[in-house]
Amino acid sequence: MIKVVIADRMGKGQEVAKGAEKAGAKAVVVPGMGADMRLGDVMQKENADIGFSFCGSGGAGAITAHTKYGYPERHGMRSVQEGITAIEEGDTVLGFGFMDKQELGEQIVKAFQKKYPEKE
């Protein structure tokens, strides 16, 4: 089963989690303010496949996860399509501006399933 970690600077991410679970993934939402900065740590602990970081710039948590653990990341994204393209190109840590939408979680998990069918 695909495991997704969602870390939002403002402690949100529940809608993205619902969308990811709708697509068949297990979602873990990192609680509390500043959660984005703990994304890489929680991904390591959970042995996650995909990480979502949300903050104003869409970068801090994704860059931190990459720097600390080497996850391939893309940040500064503002649309579902940008996230799908990042997955298609091999990135697994995705940094977005605030975007707590079910569609985002669902479409990213579907793109991951398509790229890595053995992970389903």
PDB file of N, CA and C in Angstrom:
ATOM      1  N   MET A   1       0.841  -1.187   0.000  1.00  0.00           N
ATOM      2  CA  MET A   1       0.000   0.000   0.000  1.00  0.00           C
ATOM      3  C   MET A   1       0.882   1.245   0.000  1.00  0.00           C
ATOM      4  N   ILE A   2       0.492   2.215  -0.783  1.00  0.00           N
ATOM      5  CA  ILE A   2       1.204   3.485  -0.849  1.00  0.00           C
ATOM      6  C   ILE A   2       0.935   4.258   0.434  1.00  0.00           C
ATOM      7  N   LYS A   3       2.013   4.817   0.991  1.00  0.00           N
ATOM      8  CA  LYS A   3       1.876   5.605   2.216  1.00  0.00           C
ATOM      9  C   LYS A   3       2.283   7.056   1.913  1.00  0.00           C
ATOM     10  N   VAL A   4       1.426   7.981   2.323  1.00  0.00           N
ATOM     11  CA  VAL A   4       1.588   9.405   2.066  1.00  0.00           C
ATOM     12  C   VAL A   4       1.672  10.149   3.391  1.00  0.00           C
ATOM     13  N   VAL A   5       2.623  11.079   3.485  1.00  0.00           N
ATOM     14  CA  VAL A   5       2.708  11.949   4.650  1.00  0.00           C
ATOM     15  C   VAL A   5       2.382  13.368   4.195  1.00  0.00           C
ATOM     16  N   ILE A   6       1.513  14.032   4.944  1.00  0.00           N
ATOM     17  CA  ILE A   6       1.061  15.387   4.622  1.00  0.00           C
ATOM     18  C   ILE A   6       1.433  16.299   5.782  1.00  0.00           C
ATOM     19  N   ALA A   7       2.196  17.343   5.468  1.00  0.00           N
ATOM     20  CA  ALA A   7       2.690  18.246   6.507  1.00  0.00           C
ATOM     21  C   ALA A   7       2.434  19.691   6.081  1.00  0.00           C
ATOM     22  N   ASP A   8       1.581  20.366   6.810  1.00  0.00           N
ATOM     23  CA  ASP A   8       1.142  21.722   6.483  1.00  0.00           C
ATOM     24  C   ASP A   8       1.613  22.692   7.566  1.00  0.00           C
ATOM     25  N   ARG A   9       2.141  23.816   7.149  1.00  0.00           N
ATOM     26  CA  ARG A   9       2.661  24.825   8.081  1.00  0.00           C
ATOM     27  C   ARG A   9       1.613  25.240   9.116  1.00  0.00           C
ATOM     28  N   MET A  10       0.335  25.223   8.715  1.00  0.00           N
ATOM     29  CA  MET A  10      -0.740  25.655   9.606  1.00  0.00           C
ATOM     30  C   MET A  10      -1.463  24.486  10.277  1.00  0.00           C
ATOM     31  N   GLY A  11      -0.921  23.280  10.144  1.00  0.00           N
ATOM     32  CA  GLY A  11      -1.526  22.122  10.801  1.00  0.00           C
ATOM     33  C   GLY A  11      -2.713  21.532  10.063  1.00  0.00           C
ATOM     34  N   LYS A  12      -2.891  21.909   8.806  1.00  0.00           N
ATOM     35  CA  LYS A  12      -4.014  21.379   8.024  1.00  0.00           C
ATOM     36  C   LYS A  12      -3.547  20.183   7.198  1.00  0.00           C
ATOM     37  N   GLY A  13      -4.301  19.828   6.173  1.00  0.00           N
ATOM     38  CA  GLY A  13      -3.947  18.718   5.302  1.00  0.00           C
ATOM     39  C   GLY A  13      -4.970  17.611   5.297  1.00  0.00           C
ATOM     40  N   GLN A  14      -6.040  17.767   6.065  1.00  0.00           N
ATOM     41  CA  GLN A  14      -7.044  16.712   6.181  1.00  0.00           C
ATOM     42  C   GLN A  14      -7.760  16.441   4.864  1.00  0.00           C
ATOM     43  N   GLU A  15      -7.963  17.455   4.052  1.00  0.00           N
ATOM     44  CA  GLU A  15      -8.653  17.255   2.775  1.00  0.00           C
ATOM     45  C   GLU A  15      -7.757  16.496   1.798  1.00  0.00           C
ATOM     46  N   VAL A  16      -6.478  16.832   1.751  1.00  0.00           N
ATOM     47  CA  VAL A  16      -5.540  16.096   0.905  1.00  0.00           C
ATOM     48  C   VAL A  16      -5.511  14.635   1.341  1.00  0.00           C
ATOM     49  N   ALA A  17      -5.525  14.406   2.644  1.00  0.00           N
ATOM     50  CA  ALA A  17      -5.524  13.037   3.176  1.00  0.00           C
ATOM     51  C   ALA A  17      -6.758  12.268   2.712  1.00  0.00           C
ATOM     52  N   LYS A  18      -7.922  12.906   2.740  1.00  0.00           N
ATOM     53  CA  LYS A  18      -9.149  12.243   2.279  1.00  0.00           C
ATOM     54  C   LYS A  18      -9.031  11.838   0.815  1.00  0.00           C
ATOM     55  N   GLY A  19      -8.488  12.716  -0.004  1.00  0.00           N
ATOM     56  CA  GLY A  19      -8.317  12.410  -1.417  1.00  0.00           C
ATOM     57  C   GLY A  19      -7.333  11.276  -1.647  1.00  0.00           C
ATOM     58  N   ALA A  20      -6.224  11.274  -0.902  1.00  0.00           N
ATOM     59  CA  ALA A  20      -5.217  10.212  -1.029  1.00  0.00           C
ATOM     60  C   ALA A  20      -5.830   8.872  -0.634  1.00  0.00           C
ATOM     61  N   GLU A  21      -6.600   8.869   0.443  1.00  0.00           N
ATOM     62  CA  GLU A  21      -7.230   7.630   0.903  1.00  0.00           C
ATOM     63  C   GLU A  21      -8.298   7.161  -0.078  1.00  0.00           C
ATOM     64  N   LYS A  22      -8.996   8.094  -0.692  1.00  0.00           N
ATOM     65  CA  LYS A  22      -9.997   7.746  -1.710  1.00  0.00           C
ATOM     66  C   LYS A  22      -9.333   6.999  -2.872  1.00  0.00           C
ATOM     67  N   ALA A  23      -8.073   7.364  -3.171  1.00  0.00           N
ATOM     68  CA  ALA A  23      -7.335   6.711  -4.251  1.00  0.00           C
ATOM     69  C   ALA A  23      -6.654   5.421  -3.797  1.00  0.00           C
ATOM     70  N   GLY A  24      -6.793   5.085  -2.506  1.00  0.00           N
ATOM     71  CA  GLY A  24      -6.273   3.818  -2.020  1.00  0.00           C
ATOM     72  C   GLY A  24      -5.001   3.872  -1.205  1.00  0.00           C
ATOM     73  N   ALA A  25      -4.518   5.064  -0.884  1.00  0.00           N
ATOM     74  CA  ALA A  25      -3.292   5.199  -0.088  1.00  0.00           C
ATOM     75  C   ALA A  25      -3.622   5.282   1.401  1.00  0.00           C
ATOM     76  N   LYS A  26      -2.613   5.071   2.225  1.00  0.00           N
ATOM     77  CA  LYS A  26      -2.722   5.336   3.658  1.00  0.00           C
ATOM     78  C   LYS A  26      -2.104   6.704   3.885  1.00  0.00           C
ATOM     79  N   ALA A  27      -2.848   7.600   4.515  1.00  0.00           N
ATOM     80  CA  ALA A  27      -2.386   8.966   4.721  1.00  0.00           C
ATOM     81  C   ALA A  27      -2.079   9.224   6.192  1.00  0.00           C
ATOM     82  N   VAL A  28      -0.964   9.910   6.421  1.00  0.00           N
ATOM     83  CA  VAL A  28      -0.567  10.338   7.754  1.00  0.00           C
ATOM     84  C   VAL A  28      -0.459  11.855   7.712  1.00  0.00           C
ATOM     85  N   VAL A  29      -1.249  12.552   8.538  1.00  0.00           N
ATOM     86  CA  VAL A  29      -1.189  14.009   8.613  1.00  0.00           C
ATOM     87  C   VAL A  29      -0.347  14.371   9.836  1.00  0.00           C
ATOM     88  N   VAL A  30       0.720  15.132   9.608  1.00  0.00           N
ATOM     89  CA  VAL A  30       1.587  15.571  10.699  1.00  0.00           C
ATOM     90  C   VAL A  30       0.851  16.688  11.443  1.00  0.00           C
ATOM     91  N   PRO A  31       0.631  16.531  12.760  1.00  0.00           N
ATOM     92  CA  PRO A  31      -0.152  17.520  13.496  1.00  0.00           C
ATOM     93  C   PRO A  31       0.667  18.763  13.893  1.00  0.00           C
ATOM     94  N   GLY A  32      -0.067  19.844  14.101  1.00  0.00           N
ATOM     95  CA  GLY A  32       0.513  21.031  14.715  1.00  0.00           C
ATOM     96  C   GLY A  32       1.086  22.059  13.760  1.00  0.00           C
ATOM     97  N   MET A  33       1.268  23.244  14.313  1.00  0.00           N
ATOM     98  CA  MET A  33       1.862  24.350  13.570  1.00  0.00           C
ATOM     99  C   MET A  33       3.307  23.997  13.215  1.00  0.00           C
ATOM    100  N   GLY A  34       3.746  24.424  12.026  1.00  0.00           N
ATOM    101  CA  GLY A  34       5.112  24.157  11.594  1.00  0.00           C
ATOM    102  C   GLY A  34       5.362  22.714  11.201  1.00  0.00           C
ATOM    103  N   ALA A  35       4.302  21.962  10.958  1.00  0.00           N
ATOM    104  CA  ALA A  35       4.426  20.540  10.626  1.00  0.00           C
ATOM    105  C   ALA A  35       5.273  20.323   9.375  1.00  0.00           C
ATOM    106  N   ASP A  36       5.251  21.280   8.443  1.00  0.00           N
ATOM    107  CA  ASP A  36       5.994  21.103   7.197  1.00  0.00           C
ATOM    108  C   ASP A  36       7.483  20.867   7.441  1.00  0.00           C
ATOM    109  N   MET A  37       8.013  21.445   8.500  1.00  0.00           N
ATOM    110  CA  MET A  37       9.437  21.308   8.791  1.00  0.00           C
ATOM    111  C   MET A  37       9.784  19.923   9.348  1.00  0.00           C
ATOM    112  N   ARG A  38       8.789  19.134   9.680  1.00  0.00           N
ATOM    113  CA  ARG A  38       9.013  17.774  10.187  1.00  0.00           C
ATOM    114  C   ARG A  38       8.684  16.703   9.138  1.00  0.00           C
ATOM    115  N   LEU A  39       8.398  17.121   7.912  1.00  0.00           N
ATOM    116  CA  LEU A  39       7.980  16.190   6.873  1.00  0.00           C
ATOM    117  C   LEU A  39       8.975  15.047   6.682  1.00  0.00           C
ATOM    118  N   GLY A  40      10.234  15.351   6.450  1.00  0.00           N
ATOM    119  CA  GLY A  40      11.229  14.309   6.202  1.00  0.00           C
ATOM    120  C   GLY A  40      11.361  13.348   7.365  1.00  0.00           C
ATOM    121  N   ASP A  41      11.334  13.872   8.587  1.00  0.00           N
ATOM    122  CA  ASP A  41      11.450  13.014   9.775  1.00  0.00           C
ATOM    123  C   ASP A  41      10.297  12.012   9.843  1.00  0.00           C
ATOM    124  N   VAL A  42       9.084  12.485   9.581  1.00  0.00           N
ATOM    125  CA  VAL A  42       7.913  11.604   9.645  1.00  0.00           C
ATOM    126  C   VAL A  42       7.925  10.628   8.467  1.00  0.00           C
ATOM    127  N   MET A  43       8.359  11.074   7.300  1.00  0.00           N
ATOM    128  CA  MET A  43       8.459  10.158   6.166  1.00  0.00           C
ATOM    129  C   MET A  43       9.423   9.014   6.484  1.00  0.00           C
ATOM    130  N   GLN A  44      10.527   9.329   7.117  1.00  0.00           N
ATOM    131  CA  GLN A  44      11.499   8.299   7.501  1.00  0.00           C
ATOM    132  C   GLN A  44      10.878   7.324   8.497  1.00  0.00           C
ATOM    133  N   LYS A  45      10.234   7.879   9.507  1.00  0.00           N
ATOM    134  CA  LYS A  45       9.617   7.049  10.556  1.00  0.00           C
ATOM    135  C   LYS A  45       8.544   6.130   9.978  1.00  0.00           C
ATOM    136  N   GLU A  46       7.755   6.642   9.055  1.00  0.00           N
ATOM    137  CA  GLU A  46       6.622   5.911   8.483  1.00  0.00           C
ATOM    138  C   GLU A  46       7.000   5.096   7.244  1.00  0.00           C
ATOM    139  N   ASN A  47       8.245   5.258   6.772  1.00  0.00           N
ATOM    140  CA  ASN A  47       8.679   4.614   5.531  1.00  0.00           C
ATOM    141  C   ASN A  47       7.713   4.965   4.394  1.00  0.00           C
ATOM    142  N   ALA A  48       7.463   6.253   4.232  1.00  0.00           N
ATOM    143  CA  ALA A  48       6.461   6.751   3.291  1.00  0.00           C
ATOM    144  C   ALA A  48       6.979   6.790   1.856  1.00  0.00           C
ATOM    145  N   ASP A  49       6.048   6.736   0.930  1.00  0.00           N
ATOM    146  CA  ASP A  49       6.351   6.794  -0.496  1.00  0.00           C
ATOM    147  C   ASP A  49       6.293   8.223  -1.047  1.00  0.00           C
ATOM    148  N   ILE A  50       5.365   9.017  -0.532  1.00  0.00           N
ATOM    149  CA  ILE A  50       5.142  10.383  -1.028  1.00  0.00           C
ATOM    150  C   ILE A  50       5.031  11.318   0.166  1.00  0.00           C
ATOM    151  N   GLY A  51       5.584  12.519   0.031  1.00  0.00           N
ATOM    152  CA  GLY A  51       5.428  13.553   1.047  1.00  0.00           C
ATOM    153  C   GLY A  51       4.887  14.824   0.442  1.00  0.00           C
ATOM    154  N   PHE A  52       3.934  15.421   1.122  1.00  0.00           N
ATOM    155  CA  PHE A  52       3.368  16.716   0.730  1.00  0.00           C
ATOM    156  C   PHE A  52       3.779  17.742   1.769  1.00  0.00           C
ATOM    157  N   SER A  53       4.318  18.852   1.331  1.00  0.00           N
ATOM    158  CA  SER A  53       4.642  19.964   2.208  1.00  0.00           C
ATOM    159  C   SER A  53       3.838  21.175   1.757  1.00  0.00           C
ATOM    160  N   PHE A  54       3.194  21.841   2.712  1.00  0.00           N
ATOM    161  CA  PHE A  54       2.411  23.036   2.394  1.00  0.00           C
ATOM    162  C   PHE A  54       2.866  24.199   3.263  1.00  0.00           C
ATOM    163  N   CYS A  55       3.187  25.311   2.606  1.00  0.00           N
ATOM    164  CA  CYS A  55       3.470  26.558   3.322  1.00  0.00           C
ATOM    165  C   CYS A  55       3.221  27.687   2.325  1.00  0.00           C
ATOM    166  N   GLY A  56       3.438  28.902   2.741  1.00  0.00           N
ATOM    167  CA  GLY A  56       3.184  30.042   1.863  1.00  0.00           C
ATOM    168  C   GLY A  56       3.980  29.968   0.571  1.00  0.00           C
ATOM    169  N   SER A  57       5.264  29.659   0.664  1.00  0.00           N
ATOM    170  CA  SER A  57       6.125  29.608  -0.523  1.00  0.00           C
ATOM    171  C   SER A  57       6.074  28.252  -1.204  1.00  0.00           C
ATOM    172  N   GLY A  58       5.647  27.230  -0.486  1.00  0.00           N
ATOM    173  CA  GLY A  58       5.614  25.895  -1.058  1.00  0.00           C
ATOM    174  C   GLY A  58       6.979  25.248  -1.143  1.00  0.00           C
ATOM    175  N   GLY A  59       7.889  25.617  -0.231  1.00  0.00           N
ATOM    176  CA  GLY A  59       9.212  25.057  -0.359  1.00  0.00           C
ATOM    177  C   GLY A  59       9.915  24.573   0.883  1.00  0.00           C
ATOM    178  N   ALA A  60       9.688  25.230   1.998  1.00  0.00           N
ATOM    179  CA  ALA A  60      10.526  24.989   3.175  1.00  0.00           C
ATOM    180  C   ALA A  60      10.587  23.525   3.607  1.00  0.00           C
ATOM    181  N   GLY A  61       9.463  22.879   3.766  1.00  0.00           N
ATOM    182  CA  GLY A  61       9.459  21.495   4.228  1.00  0.00           C
ATOM    183  C   GLY A  61      10.014  20.535   3.189  1.00  0.00           C
ATOM    184  N   ALA A  62       9.731  20.788   1.915  1.00  0.00           N
ATOM    185  CA  ALA A  62      10.236  19.922   0.842  1.00  0.00           C
ATOM    186  C   ALA A  62      11.749  20.029   0.746  1.00  0.00           C
ATOM    187  N   ILE A  63      12.264  21.241   0.796  1.00  0.00           N
ATOM    188  CA  ILE A  63      13.715  21.447   0.719  1.00  0.00           C
ATOM    189  C   ILE A  63      14.396  20.825   1.938  1.00  0.00           C
ATOM    190  N   THR A  64      13.804  20.970   3.111  1.00  0.00           N
ATOM    191  CA  THR A  64      14.372  20.378   4.327  1.00  0.00           C
ATOM    192  C   THR A  64      14.404  18.852   4.228  1.00  0.00           C
ATOM    193  N   ALA A  65      13.335  18.235   3.731  1.00  0.00           N
ATOM    194  CA  ALA A  65      13.297  16.778   3.574  1.00  0.00           C
ATOM    195  C   ALA A  65      14.364  16.314   2.586  1.00  0.00           C
ATOM    196  N   HIS A  66      14.565  17.083   1.536  1.00  0.00           N
ATOM    197  CA  HIS A  66      15.596  16.747   0.548  1.00  0.00           C
ATOM    198  C   HIS A  66      16.997  16.883   1.153  1.00  0.00           C
ATOM    199  N   THR A  67      17.233  17.996   1.822  1.00  0.00           N
ATOM    200  CA  THR A  67      18.549  18.261   2.396  1.00  0.00           C
ATOM    201  C   THR A  67      18.920  17.245   3.461  1.00  0.00           C
ATOM    202  N   LYS A  68      17.974  16.915   4.318  1.00  0.00           N
ATOM    203  CA  LYS A  68      18.254  16.019   5.443  1.00  0.00           C
ATOM    204  C   LYS A  68      18.295  14.546   5.040  1.00  0.00           C
ATOM    205  N   TYR A  69      17.411  14.136   4.115  1.00  0.00           N
ATOM    206  CA  TYR A  69      17.275  12.713   3.788  1.00  0.00           C
ATOM    207  C   TYR A  69      17.513  12.366   2.314  1.00  0.00           C
ATOM    208  N   GLY A  70      17.654  13.354   1.456  1.00  0.00           N
ATOM    209  CA  GLY A  70      17.923  13.088   0.046  1.00  0.00           C
ATOM    210  C   GLY A  70      16.715  12.772  -0.815  1.00  0.00           C
ATOM    211  N   TYR A  71      15.514  12.969  -0.293  1.00  0.00           N
ATOM    212  CA  TYR A  71      14.319  12.717  -1.109  1.00  0.00           C
ATOM    213  C   TYR A  71      14.332  13.621  -2.341  1.00  0.00           C
ATOM    214  N   PRO A  72      14.019  13.073  -3.520  1.00  0.00           N
ATOM    215  CA  PRO A  72      13.893  13.940  -4.690  1.00  0.00           C
ATOM    216  C   PRO A  72      12.659  14.832  -4.526  1.00  0.00           C
ATOM    217  N   GLU A  73      12.852  16.123  -4.671  1.00  0.00           N
ATOM    218  CA  GLU A  73      11.744  17.041  -4.390  1.00  0.00           C
ATOM    219  C   GLU A  73      11.554  18.066  -5.478  1.00  0.00           C
ATOM    220  N   ARG A  74      10.350  18.609  -5.488  1.00  0.00           N
ATOM    221  CA  ARG A  74      10.023  19.770  -6.307  1.00  0.00           C
ATOM    222  C   ARG A  74       9.195  20.685  -5.433  1.00  0.00           C
ATOM    223  N   HIS A  75       9.480  21.968  -5.475  1.00  0.00           N
ATOM    224  CA  HIS A  75       8.758  22.899  -4.603  1.00  0.00           C
ATOM    225  C   HIS A  75       8.271  24.116  -5.399  1.00  0.00           C
ATOM    226  N   GLY A  76       7.499  24.937  -4.718  1.00  0.00           N
ATOM    227  CA  GLY A  76       6.951  26.141  -5.337  1.00  0.00           C
ATOM    228  C   GLY A  76       5.771  25.869  -6.248  1.00  0.00           C
ATOM    229  N   MET A  77       5.152  24.719  -6.096  1.00  0.00           N
ATOM    230  CA  MET A  77       4.050  24.355  -6.987  1.00  0.00           C
ATOM    231  C   MET A  77       2.728  24.974  -6.524  1.00  0.00           C
ATOM    232  N   ARG A  78       1.860  25.200  -7.500  1.00  0.00           N
ATOM    233  CA  ARG A  78       0.578  25.849  -7.220  1.00  0.00           C
ATOM    234  C   ARG A  78      -0.600  25.157  -7.889  1.00  0.00           C
ATOM    235  N   SER A  79      -0.365  23.993  -8.524  1.00  0.00           N
ATOM    236  CA  SER A  79      -1.476  23.319  -9.207  1.00  0.00           C
ATOM    237  C   SER A  79      -1.328  21.809  -9.093  1.00  0.00           C
ATOM    238  N   VAL A  80      -2.444  21.130  -9.271  1.00  0.00           N
ATOM    239  CA  VAL A  80      -2.465  19.667  -9.273  1.00  0.00           C
ATOM    240  C   VAL A  80      -1.585  19.152 -10.409  1.00  0.00           C
ATOM    241  N   GLN A  81      -1.685  19.766 -11.581  1.00  0.00           N
ATOM    242  CA  GLN A  81      -0.911  19.298 -12.742  1.00  0.00           C
ATOM    243  C   GLN A  81       0.590  19.390 -12.494  1.00  0.00           C
ATOM    244  N   GLU A  82       1.045  20.426 -11.825  1.00  0.00           N
ATOM    245  CA  GLU A  82       2.474  20.519 -11.496  1.00  0.00           C
ATOM    246  C   GLU A  82       2.906  19.340 -10.624  1.00  0.00           C
ATOM    247  N   GLY A  83       2.059  18.957  -9.691  1.00  0.00           N
ATOM    248  CA  GLY A  83       2.361  17.820  -8.828  1.00  0.00           C
ATOM    249  C   GLY A  83       2.393  16.511  -9.594  1.00  0.00           C
ATOM    250  N   ILE A  84       1.462  16.331 -10.508  1.00  0.00           N
ATOM    251  CA  ILE A  84       1.436  15.120 -11.337  1.00  0.00           C
ATOM    252  C   ILE A  84       2.718  15.037 -12.167  1.00  0.00           C
ATOM    253  N   THR A  85       3.108  16.146 -12.769  1.00  0.00           N
ATOM    254  CA  THR A  85       4.334  16.181 -13.568  1.00  0.00           C
ATOM    255  C   THR A  85       5.548  15.849 -12.700  1.00  0.00           C
ATOM    256  N   ALA A  86       5.590  16.362 -11.489  1.00  0.00           N
ATOM    257  CA  ALA A  86       6.708  16.069 -10.592  1.00  0.00           C
ATOM    258  C   ALA A  86       6.803  14.574 -10.295  1.00  0.00           C
ATOM    259  N   ILE A  87       5.664  13.934 -10.022  1.00  0.00           N
ATOM    260  CA  ILE A  87       5.646  12.480  -9.789  1.00  0.00           C
ATOM    261  C   ILE A  87       6.123  11.748 -11.033  1.00  0.00           C
ATOM    262  N   GLU A  88       5.612  12.138 -12.200  1.00  0.00           N
ATOM    263  CA  GLU A  88       6.009  11.495 -13.455  1.00  0.00           C
ATOM    264  C   GLU A  88       7.511  11.607 -13.700  1.00  0.00           C
ATOM    265  N   GLU A  89       8.121  12.674 -13.197  1.00  0.00           N
ATOM    266  CA  GLU A  89       9.559  12.899 -13.392  1.00  0.00           C
ATOM    267  C   GLU A  89      10.395  12.339 -12.241  1.00  0.00           C
ATOM    268  N   GLY A  90       9.747  11.637 -11.296  1.00  0.00           N
ATOM    269  CA  GLY A  90      10.491  10.941 -10.259  1.00  0.00           C
ATOM    270  C   GLY A  90      10.613  11.624  -8.917  1.00  0.00           C
ATOM    271  N   ASP A  91       9.995  12.786  -8.746  1.00  0.00           N
ATOM    272  CA  ASP A  91      10.029  13.454  -7.437  1.00  0.00           C
ATOM    273  C   ASP A  91       9.020  12.799  -6.509  1.00  0.00           C
ATOM    274  N   THR A  92       9.379  12.680  -5.241  1.00  0.00           N
ATOM    275  CA  THR A  92       8.464  12.048  -4.276  1.00  0.00           C
ATOM    276  C   THR A  92       8.117  12.963  -3.111  1.00  0.00           C
ATOM    277  N   VAL A  93       8.811  14.081  -2.977  1.00  0.00           N
ATOM    278  CA  VAL A  93       8.453  15.097  -1.986  1.00  0.00           C
ATOM    279  C   VAL A  93       8.004  16.321  -2.762  1.00  0.00           C
ATOM    280  N   LEU A  94       6.777  16.743  -2.480  1.00  0.00           N
ATOM    281  CA  LEU A  94       6.133  17.789  -3.260  1.00  0.00           C
ATOM    282  C   LEU A  94       5.812  18.982  -2.380  1.00  0.00           C
ATOM    283  N   GLY A  95       6.341  20.143  -2.734  1.00  0.00           N
ATOM    284  CA  GLY A  95       6.102  21.361  -1.973  1.00  0.00           C
ATOM    285  C   GLY A  95       5.117  22.268  -2.692  1.00  0.00           C
ATOM    286  N   PHE A  96       4.018  22.561  -2.013  1.00  0.00           N
ATOM    287  CA  PHE A  96       2.958  23.403  -2.583  1.00  0.00           C
ATOM    288  C   PHE A  96       2.723  24.617  -1.697  1.00  0.00           C
ATOM    289  N   GLY A  97       2.171  25.669  -2.318  1.00  0.00           N
ATOM    290  CA  GLY A  97       1.561  26.721  -1.526  1.00  0.00           C
ATOM    291  C   GLY A  97       0.335  26.100  -0.872  1.00  0.00           C
ATOM    292  N   PHE A  98      -0.320  26.832   0.005  1.00  0.00           N
ATOM    293  CA  PHE A  98      -1.471  26.265   0.703  1.00  0.00           C
ATOM    294  C   PHE A  98      -2.523  25.788  -0.296  1.00  0.00           C
ATOM    295  N   MET A  99      -2.851  24.492  -0.243  1.00  0.00           N
ATOM    296  CA  MET A  99      -3.757  23.888  -1.222  1.00  0.00           C
ATOM    297  C   MET A  99      -4.378  22.631  -0.638  1.00  0.00           C
ATOM    298  N   ASP A 100      -5.146  22.735   0.404  1.00  0.00           N
ATOM    299  CA  ASP A 100      -5.712  21.558   1.070  1.00  0.00           C
ATOM    300  C   ASP A 100      -6.978  21.122   0.342  1.00  0.00           C
ATOM    301  N   LYS A 101      -6.790  20.392  -0.779  1.00  0.00           N
ATOM    302  CA  LYS A 101      -7.902  19.965  -1.622  1.00  0.00           C
ATOM    303  C   LYS A 101      -7.856  18.455  -1.816  1.00  0.00           C
ATOM    304  N   GLN A 102      -9.005  17.807  -1.734  1.00  0.00           N
ATOM    305  CA  GLN A 102      -9.082  16.364  -1.963  1.00  0.00           C
ATOM    306  C   GLN A 102      -8.547  15.988  -3.337  1.00  0.00           C
ATOM    307  N   GLU A 103      -8.869  16.773  -4.336  1.00  0.00           N
ATOM    308  CA  GLU A 103      -8.429  16.478  -5.703  1.00  0.00           C
ATOM    309  C   GLU A 103      -6.905  16.316  -5.769  1.00  0.00           C
ATOM    310  N   LEU A 104      -6.178  17.139  -5.043  1.00  0.00           N
ATOM    311  CA  LEU A 104      -4.718  17.068  -5.058  1.00  0.00           C
ATOM    312  C   LEU A 104      -4.232  15.714  -4.544  1.00  0.00           C
ATOM    313  N   GLY A 105      -4.708  15.294  -3.398  1.00  0.00           N
ATOM    314  CA  GLY A 105      -4.295  14.008  -2.844  1.00  0.00           C
ATOM    315  C   GLY A 105      -4.654  12.850  -3.748  1.00  0.00           C
ATOM    316  N   GLU A 106      -5.865  12.875  -4.268  1.00  0.00           N
ATOM    317  CA  GLU A 106      -6.330  11.786  -5.120  1.00  0.00           C
ATOM    318  C   GLU A 106      -5.520  11.700  -6.417  1.00  0.00           C
ATOM    319  N   GLN A 107      -5.317  12.815  -7.083  1.00  0.00           N
ATOM    320  CA  GLN A 107      -4.631  12.803  -8.374  1.00  0.00           C
ATOM    321  C   GLN A 107      -3.140  12.472  -8.240  1.00  0.00           C
ATOM    322  N   ILE A 108      -2.510  12.916  -7.172  1.00  0.00           N
ATOM    323  CA  ILE A 108      -1.088  12.600  -6.965  1.00  0.00           C
ATOM    324  C   ILE A 108      -0.919  11.103  -6.703  1.00  0.00           C
ATOM    325  N   VAL A 109      -1.775  10.526  -5.885  1.00  0.00           N
ATOM    326  CA  VAL A 109      -1.687   9.083  -5.622  1.00  0.00           C
ATOM    327  C   VAL A 109      -1.936   8.306  -6.913  1.00  0.00           C
ATOM    328  N   LYS A 110      -2.901   8.710  -7.713  1.00  0.00           N
ATOM    329  CA  LYS A 110      -3.161   8.026  -8.982  1.00  0.00           C
ATOM    330  C   LYS A 110      -1.952   8.113  -9.914  1.00  0.00           C
ATOM    331  N   ALA A 111      -1.300   9.270  -9.961  1.00  0.00           N
ATOM    332  CA  ALA A 111      -0.102   9.419 -10.794  1.00  0.00           C
ATOM    333  C   ALA A 111       1.021   8.510 -10.287  1.00  0.00           C
ATOM    334  N   PHE A 112       1.153   8.398  -8.973  1.00  0.00           N
ATOM    335  CA  PHE A 112       2.168   7.530  -8.385  1.00  0.00           C
ATOM    336  C   PHE A 112       1.872   6.066  -8.701  1.00  0.00           C
ATOM    337  N   GLN A 113       0.606   5.680  -8.603  1.00  0.00           N
ATOM    338  CA  GLN A 113       0.199   4.302  -8.925  1.00  0.00           C
ATOM    339  C   GLN A 113       0.516   3.974 -10.385  1.00  0.00           C
ATOM    340  N   LYS A 114       0.308   4.933 -11.254  1.00  0.00           N
ATOM    341  CA  LYS A 114       0.572   4.727 -12.680  1.00  0.00           C
ATOM    342  C   LYS A 114       2.071   4.560 -12.931  1.00  0.00           C
ATOM    343  N   LYS A 115       2.884   5.372 -12.261  1.00  0.00           N
ATOM    344  CA  LYS A 115       4.338   5.312 -12.440  1.00  0.00           C
ATOM    345  C   LYS A 115       4.960   4.097 -11.776  1.00  0.00           C
ATOM    346  N   TYR A 116       4.437   3.727 -10.617  1.00  0.00           N
ATOM    347  CA  TYR A 116       4.994   2.612  -9.827  1.00  0.00           C
ATOM    348  C   TYR A 116       3.904   1.590  -9.515  1.00  0.00           C
ATOM    349  N   PRO A 117       3.408   0.851 -10.514  1.00  0.00           N
ATOM    350  CA  PRO A 117       2.310  -0.088 -10.269  1.00  0.00           C
ATOM    351  C   PRO A 117       2.652  -1.170  -9.259  1.00  0.00           C
ATOM    352  N   GLU A 118       3.924  -1.464  -9.090  1.00  0.00           N
ATOM    353  CA  GLU A 118       4.325  -2.497  -8.118  1.00  0.00           C
ATOM    354  C   GLU A 118       4.134  -2.056  -6.666  1.00  0.00           C
ATOM    355  N   LYS A 119       3.922  -0.770  -6.424  1.00  0.00           N
ATOM    356  CA  LYS A 119       3.767  -0.252  -5.059  1.00  0.00           C
ATOM    357  C   LYS A 119       2.327  -0.330  -4.547  1.00  0.00           C
ATOM    358  N   GLU A 120       1.377  -0.602  -5.429  1.00  0.00           N
ATOM    359  CA  GLU A 120      -0.031  -0.584  -5.029  1.00  0.00           C
ATOM    360  C   GLU A 120      -0.345  -1.602  -3.956  1.00  0.00           C
TER     361      GLU A 120
END
